[in-house]
Amino acid sequence: MPAPWTNWTHVTKVDPDKSLPDGNTYAAIADTGTDALIVGGTTTVTEHHVRSLLNDLSQ
């Protein structure tokens, strides 16, 4: 059985240490047709920042 990601064509990375530009939402990112979101970053990626980002994604 092929892995589900073999059919993905677009993945978006979101950084919990960075804010979205004014007027942008995670719902709008999802509406672009992206197949998946990767949560990651390089600085101050803490549990608090990740939980806050995941909370924003669920709204």
N, C-alpha and C. Protein backbone atom coordinates (compact mmCIF):
# COMPACT_ATOMS: atom_id res chain seq x y z
N MET A 1 0.85 -1.17 0.00
CA MET A 1 0.00 0.00 0.00
C MET A 1 0.90 1.25 0.00
N PRO A 2 0.69 2.17 -0.95
CA PRO A 2 1.53 3.37 -1.01
C PRO A 2 1.26 4.30 0.18
N ALA A 3 2.28 5.02 0.58
CA ALA A 3 2.14 5.98 1.68
C ALA A 3 1.21 7.11 1.24
N PRO A 4 0.39 7.63 2.16
CA PRO A 4 -0.58 8.67 1.78
C PRO A 4 0.07 9.94 1.22
N TRP A 5 1.30 10.24 1.64
CA TRP A 5 1.93 11.48 1.19
C TRP A 5 2.48 11.37 -0.23
N THR A 6 2.45 10.21 -0.82
CA THR A 6 2.97 10.08 -2.18
C THR A 6 2.12 10.85 -3.19
N ASN A 7 0.90 11.18 -2.83
CA ASN A 7 0.03 11.94 -3.73
C ASN A 7 -0.03 13.42 -3.39
N TRP A 8 0.68 13.84 -2.36
CA TRP A 8 0.69 15.27 -2.00
C TRP A 8 1.40 16.08 -3.07
N THR A 9 0.90 17.28 -3.30
CA THR A 9 1.56 18.18 -4.24
C THR A 9 2.01 19.48 -3.58
N HIS A 10 1.50 19.76 -2.36
CA HIS A 10 1.87 21.01 -1.70
C HIS A 10 1.85 20.84 -0.19
N VAL A 11 2.93 21.26 0.47
CA VAL A 11 3.04 21.23 1.93
C VAL A 11 3.44 22.63 2.39
N THR A 12 2.80 23.10 3.46
CA THR A 12 3.11 24.43 4.00
C THR A 12 3.74 24.28 5.37
N LYS A 13 4.88 24.95 5.58
CA LYS A 13 5.53 24.94 6.88
C LYS A 13 5.09 26.18 7.65
N VAL A 14 4.68 25.99 8.90
CA VAL A 14 4.34 27.12 9.77
C VAL A 14 5.28 27.10 10.96
N ASP A 15 5.75 28.27 11.34
CA ASP A 15 6.72 28.43 12.41
C ASP A 15 6.01 28.99 13.64
N PRO A 16 5.98 28.25 14.75
CA PRO A 16 5.28 28.72 15.94
C PRO A 16 5.92 29.95 16.56
N ASP A 17 7.11 30.32 16.14
CA ASP A 17 7.79 31.50 16.68
C ASP A 17 7.47 32.76 15.87
N LYS A 18 6.74 32.61 14.78
CA LYS A 18 6.45 33.75 13.92
C LYS A 18 4.94 33.95 13.80
N SER A 19 4.55 35.20 13.70
CA SER A 19 3.14 35.55 13.53
C SER A 19 2.82 35.62 12.04
N LEU A 20 1.58 35.35 11.73
CA LEU A 20 1.13 35.54 10.35
C LEU A 20 1.00 37.03 10.08
N PRO A 21 1.22 37.45 8.84
CA PRO A 21 1.00 38.86 8.50
C PRO A 21 -0.45 39.25 8.75
N ASP A 22 -0.67 40.52 9.06
CA ASP A 22 -2.03 41.01 9.33
C ASP A 22 -2.97 40.61 8.21
N GLY A 23 -4.15 40.15 8.62
CA GLY A 23 -5.18 39.77 7.66
C GLY A 23 -5.10 38.33 7.19
N ASN A 24 -4.03 37.62 7.52
CA ASN A 24 -3.89 36.22 7.12
C ASN A 24 -4.32 35.32 8.27
N THR A 25 -4.87 34.17 7.92
CA THR A 25 -5.30 33.19 8.91
C THR A 25 -4.84 31.80 8.49
N TYR A 26 -4.80 30.90 9.47
CA TYR A 26 -4.46 29.52 9.13
C TYR A 26 -5.56 28.88 8.31
N ALA A 27 -6.80 29.32 8.51
CA ALA A 27 -7.91 28.82 7.68
C ALA A 27 -7.68 29.19 6.22
N ALA A 28 -7.16 30.39 5.98
CA ALA A 28 -6.88 30.81 4.60
C ALA A 28 -5.77 29.96 3.99
N ILE A 29 -4.79 29.60 4.81
CA ILE A 29 -3.73 28.71 4.32
C ILE A 29 -4.34 27.37 3.91
N ALA A 30 -5.20 26.83 4.76
CA ALA A 30 -5.84 25.55 4.46
C ALA A 30 -6.67 25.63 3.19
N ASP A 31 -7.29 26.79 2.96
CA ASP A 31 -8.13 26.97 1.77
C ASP A 31 -7.33 27.06 0.48
N THR A 32 -6.01 27.18 0.57
CA THR A 32 -5.20 27.25 -0.65
C THR A 32 -5.07 25.90 -1.33
N GLY A 33 -5.48 24.84 -0.63
CA GLY A 33 -5.38 23.51 -1.20
C GLY A 33 -4.13 22.76 -0.76
N THR A 34 -3.43 23.31 0.22
CA THR A 34 -2.24 22.62 0.72
C THR A 34 -2.65 21.25 1.26
N ASP A 35 -1.81 20.28 1.06
CA ASP A 35 -2.12 18.92 1.49
C ASP A 35 -1.76 18.65 2.94
N ALA A 36 -0.81 19.43 3.48
CA ALA A 36 -0.38 19.19 4.85
C ALA A 36 0.30 20.43 5.41
N LEU A 37 0.32 20.52 6.73
CA LEU A 37 1.06 21.57 7.42
C LEU A 37 2.19 20.92 8.21
N ILE A 38 3.36 21.49 8.11
CA ILE A 38 4.49 21.07 8.93
C ILE A 38 4.70 22.16 9.97
N VAL A 39 4.75 21.78 11.23
CA VAL A 39 5.01 22.73 12.30
C VAL A 39 6.47 22.61 12.70
N GLY A 40 7.21 23.68 12.57
CA GLY A 40 8.61 23.64 12.93
C GLY A 40 9.26 24.99 12.79
N GLY A 41 10.45 25.11 13.34
CA GLY A 41 11.18 26.36 13.26
C GLY A 41 12.59 26.15 13.75
N THR A 42 13.30 27.27 13.90
CA THR A 42 14.70 27.15 14.28
C THR A 42 15.03 27.82 15.61
N THR A 43 14.18 28.73 16.08
CA THR A 43 14.47 29.43 17.33
C THR A 43 13.26 29.43 18.25
N THR A 44 13.50 29.37 19.49
CA THR A 44 12.48 29.42 20.55
C THR A 44 11.21 28.63 20.24
N VAL A 45 11.36 27.49 19.65
CA VAL A 45 10.21 26.61 19.45
C VAL A 45 9.99 25.89 20.78
N THR A 46 9.04 26.42 21.53
CA THR A 46 8.75 25.87 22.85
C THR A 46 7.40 25.19 22.83
N GLU A 47 7.13 24.41 23.85
CA GLU A 47 5.82 23.77 23.96
C GLU A 47 4.72 24.81 23.97
N HIS A 48 4.94 25.92 24.66
CA HIS A 48 3.94 26.99 24.73
C HIS A 48 3.63 27.54 23.34
N HIS A 49 4.67 27.83 22.55
CA HIS A 49 4.46 28.37 21.20
C HIS A 49 3.75 27.36 20.30
N VAL A 50 4.13 26.11 20.40
CA VAL A 50 3.50 25.08 19.56
C VAL A 50 2.04 24.89 19.96
N ARG A 51 1.76 24.83 21.26
CA ARG A 51 0.37 24.69 21.70
C ARG A 51 -0.48 25.88 21.25
N SER A 52 0.07 27.08 21.32
CA SER A 52 -0.64 28.26 20.88
C SER A 52 -0.93 28.18 19.37
N LEU A 53 0.05 27.76 18.60
CA LEU A 53 -0.14 27.60 17.15
C LEU A 53 -1.21 26.54 16.87
N LEU A 54 -1.13 25.40 17.54
CA LEU A 54 -2.12 24.35 17.30
C LEU A 54 -3.51 24.81 17.69
N ASN A 55 -3.62 25.62 18.73
CA ASN A 55 -4.91 26.18 19.11
C ASN A 55 -5.43 27.09 18.00
N ASP A 56 -4.55 27.92 17.43
CA ASP A 56 -4.96 28.79 16.31
C ASP A 56 -5.38 27.98 15.10
N LEU A 57 -4.70 26.86 14.85
CA LEU A 57 -5.04 26.02 13.69
C LEU A 57 -6.42 25.38 13.85
N SER A 58 -6.82 25.12 15.08
CA SER A 58 -8.09 24.42 15.29
C SER A 58 -9.28 25.36 15.25
N GLN A 59 -9.04 26.65 15.12
CA GLN A 59 -10.17 27.61 15.11
C GLN A 59 -10.59 27.93 13.71
